Structures are given as structure tokens and as C-alpha cells.
Amino acid sequence: MHNEFTAVIERDGEWFIAYCPEVPGANGQGHTKEEAKESLAEAIALILEDRRADGLRAVPPEALRETVVVE
């Protein structure tokens, strides 16, 4: 699945700080802009994985589960 998110990156002294407005709580940091983006991507993946697992806990076993692709 291909997803795209906005990375807002700011410099803070020797660090680059990144966050994603579409995924509250997703933050990254690094000594380079690329490190900050990679750190942010990992944070986004972890948050979405956790939200999916949490959301599926309450789904009844007899419910249909299908995939929806958003392009």
C-alpha cells in the first residue's frame, strides 16, 4: 500500500525536527533532514499499526473485513 504524508521539518540548533500534521503524535528527529524524515516515517508506521490493531479489537468475528485502497 502506498501512502503519502506531509513532513514539516524545522531546524533546532544542530537537530532537524519533523512532524506530520495528518498523524497527531508522529514526530521525528535527526542530525540531517533525511534522518529526521526517516525517523518520522518510522513513527508514522508505528502509530498507524497501533491504531489499526486497537481499532480491530472490537470487530466481531462474523464481520466482513475488506481492504480499501486510497490513491
N, C-alpha and C. Protein backbone atom coordinates (compact mmCIF):
# COMPACT_ATOMS: atom_id res chain seq x y z
N MET A 1 0.84 -1.17 0.00
CA MET A 1 0.00 0.00 0.00
C MET A 1 0.89 1.24 0.00
N HIS A 2 0.54 2.19 -0.80
CA HIS A 2 1.30 3.42 -0.93
C HIS A 2 0.55 4.55 -0.23
N ASN A 3 1.20 5.19 0.70
CA ASN A 3 0.61 6.33 1.40
C ASN A 3 1.59 7.49 1.36
N GLU A 4 1.08 8.68 1.30
CA GLU A 4 1.92 9.88 1.36
C GLU A 4 1.41 10.78 2.46
N PHE A 5 2.34 11.33 3.22
CA PHE A 5 2.01 12.21 4.33
C PHE A 5 2.90 13.46 4.23
N THR A 6 2.47 14.51 4.87
CA THR A 6 3.23 15.75 4.90
C THR A 6 4.26 15.69 6.02
N ALA A 7 5.49 16.03 5.70
CA ALA A 7 6.54 16.14 6.71
C ALA A 7 6.89 17.62 6.85
N VAL A 8 6.64 18.17 8.02
CA VAL A 8 7.04 19.54 8.32
C VAL A 8 8.36 19.44 9.07
N ILE A 9 9.40 20.06 8.54
CA ILE A 9 10.74 19.92 9.11
C ILE A 9 11.27 21.30 9.49
N GLU A 10 11.76 21.39 10.71
CA GLU A 10 12.32 22.65 11.22
C GLU A 10 13.70 22.37 11.80
N ARG A 11 14.54 23.34 11.72
CA ARG A 11 15.88 23.22 12.30
C ARG A 11 15.84 23.74 13.72
N ASP A 12 16.47 23.00 14.64
CA ASP A 12 16.56 23.40 16.04
C ASP A 12 18.01 23.20 16.48
N GLY A 13 18.80 24.21 16.31
CA GLY A 13 20.23 24.09 16.62
C GLY A 13 20.88 23.10 15.67
N GLU A 14 21.48 22.05 16.23
CA GLU A 14 22.14 21.04 15.41
C GLU A 14 21.18 19.94 14.95
N TRP A 15 19.93 20.01 15.33
CA TRP A 15 18.95 18.97 15.02
C TRP A 15 17.93 19.45 14.00
N PHE A 16 17.38 18.49 13.27
CA PHE A 16 16.21 18.73 12.44
C PHE A 16 15.06 18.00 13.13
N ILE A 17 13.97 18.71 13.32
CA ILE A 17 12.79 18.17 13.97
C ILE A 17 11.69 18.06 12.91
N ALA A 18 11.00 16.92 12.86
CA ALA A 18 9.96 16.71 11.86
C ALA A 18 8.67 16.26 12.54
N TYR A 19 7.55 16.69 11.98
CA TYR A 19 6.26 16.20 12.46
C TYR A 19 5.30 16.10 11.28
N CYS A 20 4.22 15.36 11.48
CA CYS A 20 3.25 15.11 10.43
C CYS A 20 1.88 15.61 10.89
N PRO A 21 1.35 16.67 10.27
CA PRO A 21 0.05 17.21 10.69
C PRO A 21 -1.10 16.21 10.55
N GLU A 22 -1.01 15.28 9.58
CA GLU A 22 -2.10 14.32 9.37
C GLU A 22 -2.14 13.20 10.40
N VAL A 23 -1.03 12.98 11.10
CA VAL A 23 -0.95 11.90 12.08
C VAL A 23 -0.50 12.50 13.42
N PRO A 24 -1.45 12.95 14.24
CA PRO A 24 -1.08 13.55 15.52
C PRO A 24 -0.20 12.61 16.35
N GLY A 25 0.85 13.17 16.90
CA GLY A 25 1.77 12.40 17.72
C GLY A 25 2.96 11.85 16.97
N ALA A 26 2.95 11.94 15.63
CA ALA A 26 4.07 11.43 14.83
C ALA A 26 5.14 12.50 14.74
N ASN A 27 6.29 12.21 15.33
CA ASN A 27 7.42 13.14 15.35
C ASN A 27 8.70 12.40 15.04
N GLY A 28 9.66 13.11 14.48
CA GLY A 28 10.96 12.52 14.20
C GLY A 28 12.04 13.56 14.41
N GLN A 29 13.27 13.08 14.49
CA GLN A 29 14.39 14.00 14.63
C GLN A 29 15.65 13.35 14.06
N GLY A 30 16.62 14.18 13.74
CA GLY A 30 17.88 13.67 13.23
C GLY A 30 18.87 14.80 13.06
N HIS A 31 20.13 14.42 12.86
CA HIS A 31 21.17 15.43 12.63
C HIS A 31 21.13 15.95 11.20
N THR A 32 20.43 15.22 10.31
CA THR A 32 20.24 15.68 8.94
C THR A 32 18.74 15.68 8.64
N LYS A 33 18.37 16.40 7.58
CA LYS A 33 16.97 16.44 7.18
C LYS A 33 16.49 15.03 6.84
N GLU A 34 17.32 14.26 6.14
CA GLU A 34 16.95 12.89 5.74
C GLU A 34 16.76 12.00 6.96
N GLU A 35 17.63 12.12 7.97
CA GLU A 35 17.46 11.33 9.20
C GLU A 35 16.14 11.67 9.89
N ALA A 36 15.80 12.94 9.90
CA ALA A 36 14.54 13.37 10.53
C ALA A 36 13.35 12.80 9.77
N LYS A 37 13.41 12.79 8.43
CA LYS A 37 12.31 12.23 7.64
C LYS A 37 12.20 10.72 7.85
N GLU A 38 13.32 10.03 7.93
CA GLU A 38 13.29 8.58 8.16
C GLU A 38 12.72 8.27 9.55
N SER A 39 13.12 9.05 10.54
CA SER A 39 12.61 8.88 11.89
C SER A 39 11.11 9.14 11.93
N LEU A 40 10.66 10.15 11.22
CA LEU A 40 9.24 10.47 11.14
C LEU A 40 8.47 9.34 10.46
N ALA A 41 9.00 8.80 9.37
CA ALA A 41 8.34 7.71 8.66
C ALA A 41 8.16 6.50 9.58
N GLU A 42 9.17 6.19 10.38
CA GLU A 42 9.08 5.08 11.33
C GLU A 42 7.99 5.36 12.37
N ALA A 43 7.93 6.58 12.85
CA ALA A 43 6.92 6.95 13.85
C ALA A 43 5.51 6.84 13.26
N ILE A 44 5.33 7.30 12.03
CA ILE A 44 4.02 7.21 11.37
C ILE A 44 3.61 5.75 11.24
N ALA A 45 4.52 4.90 10.78
CA ALA A 45 4.21 3.47 10.60
C ALA A 45 3.81 2.83 11.92
N LEU A 46 4.54 3.13 13.00
CA LEU A 46 4.21 2.55 14.31
C LEU A 46 2.85 3.01 14.81
N ILE A 47 2.55 4.30 14.65
CA ILE A 47 1.27 4.83 15.11
C ILE A 47 0.12 4.21 14.33
N LEU A 48 0.25 4.12 13.01
CA LEU A 48 -0.83 3.54 12.20
C LEU A 48 -1.02 2.06 12.50
N GLU A 49 0.06 1.34 12.71
CA GLU A 49 -0.03 -0.08 13.08
C GLU A 49 -0.75 -0.24 14.41
N ASP A 50 -0.42 0.60 15.37
CA ASP A 50 -1.06 0.54 16.69
C ASP A 50 -2.54 0.89 16.59
N ARG A 51 -2.87 1.92 15.82
CA ARG A 51 -4.28 2.32 15.66
C ARG A 51 -5.09 1.24 14.97
N ARG A 52 -4.50 0.58 13.97
CA ARG A 52 -5.20 -0.50 13.28
C ARG A 52 -5.48 -1.64 14.25
N ALA A 53 -4.47 -2.07 15.00
CA ALA A 53 -4.66 -3.16 15.96
C ALA A 53 -5.70 -2.80 16.99
N ASP A 54 -5.64 -1.58 17.49
CA ASP A 54 -6.59 -1.12 18.51
C ASP A 54 -8.01 -1.08 17.94
N GLY A 55 -8.14 -0.58 16.71
CA GLY A 55 -9.45 -0.47 16.10
C GLY A 55 -10.08 -1.82 15.78
N LEU A 56 -9.25 -2.82 15.47
CA LEU A 56 -9.77 -4.13 15.10
C LEU A 56 -10.13 -5.00 16.30
N ARG A 57 -9.69 -4.61 17.48
CA ARG A 57 -10.01 -5.41 18.67
C ARG A 57 -11.51 -5.59 18.90
N ALA A 58 -12.28 -4.58 18.59
CA ALA A 58 -13.72 -4.60 18.88
C ALA A 58 -14.55 -5.14 17.71
N VAL A 59 -13.92 -5.54 16.61
CA VAL A 59 -14.66 -6.02 15.46
C VAL A 59 -15.15 -7.45 15.73
N PRO A 60 -16.45 -7.68 15.58
CA PRO A 60 -16.98 -9.03 15.81
C PRO A 60 -16.39 -10.02 14.80
N PRO A 61 -16.17 -11.26 15.22
CA PRO A 61 -15.56 -12.26 14.33
C PRO A 61 -16.37 -12.52 13.07
N GLU A 62 -17.69 -12.33 13.11
CA GLU A 62 -18.53 -12.60 11.94
C GLU A 62 -18.57 -11.42 10.95
N ALA A 63 -17.98 -10.30 11.31
CA ALA A 63 -17.98 -9.13 10.43
C ALA A 63 -17.05 -9.35 9.25
N LEU A 64 -17.42 -8.81 8.09
CA LEU A 64 -16.58 -8.89 6.91
C LEU A 64 -15.45 -7.87 7.01
N ARG A 65 -14.27 -8.28 6.60
CA ARG A 65 -13.12 -7.37 6.57
C ARG A 65 -12.59 -7.34 5.14
N GLU A 66 -12.57 -6.16 4.56
CA GLU A 66 -12.06 -5.98 3.21
C GLU A 66 -11.09 -4.82 3.20
N THR A 67 -10.26 -4.76 2.17
CA THR A 67 -9.27 -3.70 2.05
C THR A 67 -9.81 -2.59 1.15
N VAL A 68 -9.59 -1.36 1.56
CA VAL A 68 -9.93 -0.18 0.76
C VAL A 68 -8.63 0.53 0.42
N VAL A 69 -8.39 0.79 -0.85
CA VAL A 69 -7.18 1.48 -1.29
C VAL A 69 -7.53 2.92 -1.60
N VAL A 70 -6.78 3.84 -1.02
CA VAL A 70 -6.97 5.27 -1.26
C VAL A 70 -5.76 5.77 -2.03
N GLU A 71 -6.00 6.30 -3.19
CA GLU A 71 -4.90 6.80 -4.02
C GLU A 71 -4.90 8.30 -4.04
